[in-house]
Structures are given as structure tokens and as C-alpha cells.
Amino acid sequence: MIDSLSIVFPIFNEEKRLNIMIEDINDFNEKNKTVNLQYVFVNDGSNDNTQKILKSFISNNKKKEIEYLLIDLDLNQGKGKALKEGIKLVNKNWILTLDADMSVSLQQIHNWINNNHLESNFEIYFGSRNIKNAIVDLKQHRKILGKIFSFLLKILFNIQIKDTQCGFKLYKSKIAKKIFKEIHDNGFVHDVEVVLIATKYGYEIKELPVKWIHKNNSKLNLFKDPLTMFLKLINLK
């Protein structure tokens, strides 16, 4: 079903965790036998060694039959903006977006394929931590925040999807490009916009289970970010 895949990483100040991402990519590339791959790294205005590490990784992998692309944004603008810029430049039939901390491994794609989860009548798949067969190592405070967020989405937008915020998402390229052209939020609320825009155009989203493992050095601010997201949801409404 998936013959070519562009993998888009939004990245901001990840020098401490990029080794995890690189190891996962190398492992995925070794096991991949059939899918033509493109990697798009969007450096979202990092001010640490993120750019240097990514450039070194790409330079060391130039001879392999895989395309690597680095996009550097001058200023940190947020995950939504980073994905929007990355998706503009993908050239494969499918797009996978995921977080650089690899809380969900690239191997999840092979798991979905091997378990026949990817059905021909769907064009968008959301990785979900809140459905049957998901394996989740999640801190208690994030579980609580997730439940509150899902409740707000039901109240404000009648969104029934159980996990909009998992970064592991798979799209048909033409669909993703169409949706992300209309995204306005540069931060984490862009995921909600994806659902609303997809619904507007009649695209059905299928949630699939993921193995999600908590990684240290998260950038979530427990005091600031929930309030910011709440205010953005109100504004979006």
C-alpha cells in the first residue's frame, strides 16, 4: 500500500535527544526493503547544536539511496509552522509526521503494515495512545491533561477522536498538503485544526494504536502550556 514515504520531523533544541532519533532512523532504514524514503528535518530556530548534528548526519548519509532534506527556520515559530514548511517540500506519495524524541518509533509503520491496519479507504491515520491495543508509558500528569483536553474538544468542537495530540500521523501527501495550506496555528493546537479541516473536506480519520514511551527532557511546561492551549482553543472556536 505504501510504496513511497516522506518522513517529516519538526525539531527545536533537541541536541540531547537527536542520537535517539538517528539510531531509530538507521534501524528503520536497515529493515526497510520496499518503501522509497525521504526524510525532511525542519530545524525550528534551534539555538543549540541541533543544526550542526543534523548537517553532520545528512553529510554522512549522502551516498545512500535515501533523500535527506534539512530546512532551517530563522526563528522558533512552533511545531505547526515547522510541519507546514516541511510538508510543502515532500515528494513521496505518503507523509509521516512524528516527534524527534521518538516516543513512537518509526518501526510503528511496519507494525501497522504487518497487522493490516492500513485500509485502502482511509487517507489519514492518527496514532493513538487512548484506544485498544495501544501500549503507553505515560506520566500521570500527562494522562490527566490529555483527558481534560479531549473533554474540551468534545464540548467545543464535537471532536470524537480520542487522541488528537499524538505526533505520529500518516497522510496521503496530496491530502496533507491541502490541509496544511489552511493551518493557522503555529503551535500544538494545529492538530485540532487538522481534524476540523479534514472534516470540512469529508476526509475520515482512522485512529490506530501505537507503542508510546515517555522520554525525558520534554518541553511541556505544566503551568504555561495547558493555559495557552485552552486560550487557543477558545480563539479557534
Protein backbone atom coordinates (compact mmCIF):
# COMPACT_ATOMS: atom_id res chain seq x y z
CA MET A 1 0.00 0.00 0.00
CA ILE A 2 2.80 2.44 0.87
CA ASP A 3 5.41 2.47 -1.89
CA SER A 4 7.00 5.84 -1.07
CA LEU A 5 7.09 7.78 2.19
CA SER A 6 8.26 11.24 3.27
CA ILE A 7 9.03 11.42 6.99
CA VAL A 8 8.82 14.92 8.50
CA PHE A 9 10.40 15.81 11.84
CA PRO A 10 9.71 19.20 13.49
CA ILE A 11 12.79 19.84 15.65
CA PHE A 12 13.61 22.52 18.24
CA ASN A 13 16.65 22.38 20.56
CA GLU A 14 16.91 18.59 20.51
CA GLU A 15 20.69 18.14 20.75
CA LYS A 16 20.30 15.90 23.82
CA ARG A 17 17.90 13.51 22.08
CA LEU A 18 18.93 13.53 18.42
CA ASN A 19 21.10 10.45 18.95
CA ILE A 20 17.90 8.52 19.75
CA MET A 21 16.28 9.76 16.55
CA ILE A 22 19.34 8.92 14.43
CA GLU A 23 19.59 5.40 15.87
CA ASP A 24 15.91 4.81 15.14
CA ILE A 25 16.27 6.10 11.59
CA ASN A 26 19.28 3.87 10.91
CA ASP A 27 17.48 0.85 12.31
CA PHE A 28 14.38 1.62 10.25
CA ASN A 29 16.43 2.05 7.08
CA GLU A 30 18.14 -1.30 7.59
CA LYS A 31 14.85 -3.13 8.00
CA ASN A 32 13.04 -1.30 5.19
CA LYS A 33 13.12 -3.30 1.96
CA THR A 34 10.27 -1.93 -0.12
CA VAL A 35 9.43 1.71 0.66
CA ASN A 36 11.17 4.58 -1.15
CA LEU A 37 12.09 7.10 1.57
CA GLN A 38 12.61 10.82 2.02
CA TYR A 39 13.48 12.44 5.37
CA VAL A 40 12.66 16.10 5.98
CA PHE A 41 14.14 17.68 9.11
CA VAL A 42 12.70 21.10 9.97
CA ASN A 43 15.02 22.91 12.36
CA ASP A 44 12.60 25.31 14.03
CA GLY A 45 15.03 28.08 15.01
CA SER A 46 17.13 25.97 17.39
CA ASN A 47 19.87 27.80 19.30
CA ASP A 48 21.80 24.73 20.46
CA ASN A 49 23.79 22.19 18.38
CA THR A 50 20.72 20.75 16.62
CA GLN A 51 21.62 22.18 13.22
CA LYS A 52 25.24 21.01 13.46
CA ILE A 53 24.24 17.46 14.39
CA LEU A 54 21.65 17.23 11.61
CA LYS A 55 24.07 18.55 8.99
CA SER A 56 26.68 16.00 10.08
CA PHE A 57 24.16 13.15 9.91
CA ILE A 58 22.97 14.15 6.44
CA SER A 59 26.54 14.59 5.18
CA ASN A 60 27.46 11.09 6.37
CA ASN A 61 24.46 9.55 4.57
CA LYS A 62 24.63 11.27 1.18
CA LYS A 63 25.66 8.14 -0.74
CA LYS A 64 22.68 6.08 0.37
CA GLU A 65 19.60 5.76 -1.84
CA ILE A 66 17.52 7.84 0.52
CA GLU A 67 16.84 11.57 0.27
CA TYR A 68 17.63 13.77 3.28
CA LEU A 69 16.49 17.40 3.40
CA LEU A 70 17.18 19.98 6.11
CA ILE A 71 15.04 23.11 6.39
CA ASP A 72 16.31 25.85 8.71
CA LEU A 73 13.82 28.37 10.07
CA ASP A 74 15.47 31.54 11.38
CA LEU A 75 13.16 31.89 14.38
CA ASN A 76 11.37 29.36 16.55
CA GLN A 77 7.75 29.50 15.39
CA GLY A 78 6.22 26.29 16.74
CA LYS A 79 5.50 22.72 15.73
CA GLY A 80 2.58 23.59 13.49
CA LYS A 81 4.66 26.04 11.45
CA ALA A 82 7.58 23.60 11.22
CA LEU A 83 5.32 20.85 9.87
CA LYS A 84 3.67 23.25 7.45
CA GLU A 85 7.05 24.23 5.97
CA GLY A 86 8.25 20.63 5.82
CA ILE A 87 5.12 19.28 4.15
CA LYS A 88 5.46 21.86 1.37
CA LEU A 89 8.65 20.14 0.19
CA VAL A 90 7.85 16.44 0.43
CA ASN A 91 7.86 14.45 -2.80
CA LYS A 92 6.58 10.97 -1.88
CA ASN A 93 3.06 9.54 -2.03
CA TRP A 94 2.61 9.35 1.75
CA ILE A 95 3.70 11.61 4.61
CA LEU A 96 4.50 10.55 8.16
CA THR A 97 4.93 13.19 10.85
CA LEU A 98 6.43 12.35 14.22
CA ASP A 99 8.37 13.85 17.10
CA ALA A 100 12.16 13.81 17.27
CA ASP A 101 12.14 12.31 20.79
CA MET A 102 10.94 9.06 19.18
CA SER A 103 8.32 8.45 21.84
CA VAL A 104 6.80 6.45 18.98
CA SER A 105 9.40 4.60 16.91
CA LEU A 106 9.46 4.58 13.11
CA GLN A 107 9.03 0.82 13.41
CA GLN A 108 5.37 1.51 14.23
CA ILE A 109 4.76 1.91 10.49
CA HIS A 110 5.97 -1.63 9.85
CA ASN A 111 3.78 -2.80 12.71
CA TRP A 112 0.72 -1.18 11.15
CA ILE A 113 1.54 -2.68 7.76
CA ASN A 114 2.24 -6.16 9.11
CA ASN A 115 -1.03 -6.17 11.08
CA ASN A 116 -3.04 -4.99 8.05
CA HIS A 117 -4.13 -1.80 9.80
CA LEU A 118 -3.77 0.43 6.75
CA GLU A 119 -7.04 0.14 4.84
CA SER A 120 -7.43 1.40 1.29
CA ASN A 121 -10.48 3.57 2.04
CA PHE A 122 -8.67 5.84 4.53
CA GLU A 123 -6.27 8.67 3.66
CA ILE A 124 -5.41 9.90 7.18
CA TYR A 125 -4.27 7.82 10.15
CA PHE A 126 -3.69 9.17 13.66
CA GLY A 127 -1.52 7.26 16.08
CA SER A 128 -3.49 6.98 19.33
CA ARG A 129 -2.50 6.33 22.93
CA ASN A 130 -6.11 6.07 24.05
CA ILE A 131 -7.54 3.12 22.13
CA LYS A 132 -7.44 -0.64 22.48
CA ASN A 133 -4.05 -2.32 21.93
CA ALA A 134 -2.08 0.90 22.50
CA ILE A 135 0.95 0.39 24.73
CA VAL A 136 1.66 3.51 26.76
CA ASP A 137 4.30 4.55 29.27
CA LEU A 138 2.89 7.94 30.20
CA LYS A 139 3.35 10.11 33.28
CA GLN A 140 0.19 10.52 35.37
CA HIS A 141 0.03 14.31 34.96
CA ARG A 142 0.07 13.95 31.17
CA LYS A 143 -2.74 11.40 31.32
CA ILE A 144 -4.84 13.88 33.29
CA LEU A 145 -4.05 16.75 30.91
CA GLY A 146 -4.89 14.53 27.95
CA LYS A 147 -8.29 13.62 29.36
CA ILE A 148 -9.11 17.26 30.07
CA PHE A 149 -8.04 18.26 26.57
CA SER A 150 -10.16 15.52 24.94
CA PHE A 151 -13.16 16.61 27.04
CA LEU A 152 -12.74 20.21 25.85
CA LEU A 153 -12.58 19.09 22.22
CA LYS A 154 -15.87 17.23 22.59
CA ILE A 155 -17.55 20.21 24.23
CA LEU A 156 -16.19 22.90 21.90
CA PHE A 157 -16.00 21.10 18.54
CA ASN A 158 -17.77 17.76 18.93
CA ILE A 159 -14.49 16.01 18.07
CA GLN A 160 -14.80 12.33 18.94
CA ILE A 161 -11.20 11.34 18.17
CA LYS A 162 -9.65 10.04 21.37
CA ASP A 163 -6.12 11.33 20.80
CA THR A 164 -5.53 14.32 18.54
CA GLN A 165 -2.16 15.23 20.08
CA CYS A 166 -0.02 12.17 19.40
CA GLY A 167 2.62 13.36 16.93
CA PHE A 168 2.66 10.11 14.95
CA LYS A 169 0.36 10.77 11.97
CA LEU A 170 0.19 9.33 8.45
CA TYR A 171 -1.36 11.13 5.47
CA LYS A 172 -1.74 10.74 1.74
CA SER A 173 0.58 13.51 0.50
CA LYS A 174 -2.00 15.36 -1.58
CA ILE A 175 -4.36 15.40 1.42
CA ALA A 176 -1.72 16.65 3.87
CA LYS A 177 -0.63 19.42 1.51
CA LYS A 178 -4.24 20.55 1.09
CA ILE A 179 -4.93 20.54 4.83
CA PHE A 180 -1.71 22.23 5.94
CA LYS A 181 -2.20 25.09 3.49
CA GLU A 182 -5.12 26.12 5.69
CA ILE A 183 -3.45 25.66 9.07
CA HIS A 184 -3.21 28.92 11.05
CA ASP A 185 -1.96 27.85 14.48
CA ASN A 186 1.81 27.54 14.66
CA GLY A 187 1.79 25.57 17.91
CA PHE A 188 0.24 22.41 19.31
CA VAL A 189 -3.37 23.37 18.55
CA HIS A 190 -2.63 22.82 14.84
CA ASP A 191 -3.56 19.15 15.46
CA VAL A 192 -7.10 20.23 16.22
CA GLU A 193 -7.17 22.32 13.06
CA VAL A 194 -6.12 19.24 11.09
CA VAL A 195 -9.20 17.40 12.35
CA LEU A 196 -11.55 20.30 11.66
CA ILE A 197 -10.21 20.92 8.15
CA ALA A 198 -10.22 17.21 7.30
CA THR A 199 -13.84 17.02 8.46
CA LYS A 200 -14.73 20.04 6.33
CA TYR A 201 -13.45 18.26 3.23
CA GLY A 202 -15.01 14.93 4.14
CA TYR A 203 -11.78 13.07 4.91
CA GLU A 204 -12.28 10.39 7.55
CA ILE A 205 -9.52 9.88 10.12
CA LYS A 206 -8.75 6.40 11.40
CA GLU A 207 -7.07 6.04 14.80
CA LEU A 208 -4.53 3.25 15.17
CA PRO A 209 -2.77 2.02 18.32
CA VAL A 210 0.84 2.97 18.99
CA LYS A 211 3.55 1.97 21.41
CA TRP A 212 4.30 5.25 23.17
CA ILE A 213 7.18 5.55 25.63
CA HIS A 214 7.80 8.68 27.70
CA LYS A 215 11.15 10.34 27.05
CA ASN A 216 12.93 12.76 29.39
CA ASN A 217 13.69 16.42 28.59
CA SER A 218 10.15 17.15 27.45
CA LYS A 219 9.49 20.79 26.57
CA LEU A 220 5.95 20.72 28.00
CA ASN A 221 5.51 23.46 30.59
CA LEU A 222 2.90 22.13 33.02
CA PHE A 223 1.85 25.60 34.15
CA LYS A 224 2.04 27.68 30.97
CA ASP A 225 1.22 25.32 28.09
CA PRO A 226 -2.19 23.97 29.27
CA LEU A 227 -3.46 27.53 29.78
CA THR A 228 -2.06 28.63 26.41
CA MET A 229 -3.70 25.70 24.66
CA PHE A 230 -7.03 26.38 26.39
CA LEU A 231 -6.99 30.01 25.26
CA LYS A 232 -6.07 28.98 21.73
CA LEU A 233 -8.97 26.50 21.64
CA ILE A 234 -11.36 29.26 22.69
CA ASN A 235 -9.93 31.50 19.98
CA LEU A 236 -10.22 28.71 17.41
CA LYS A 237 -13.85 28.16 18.40
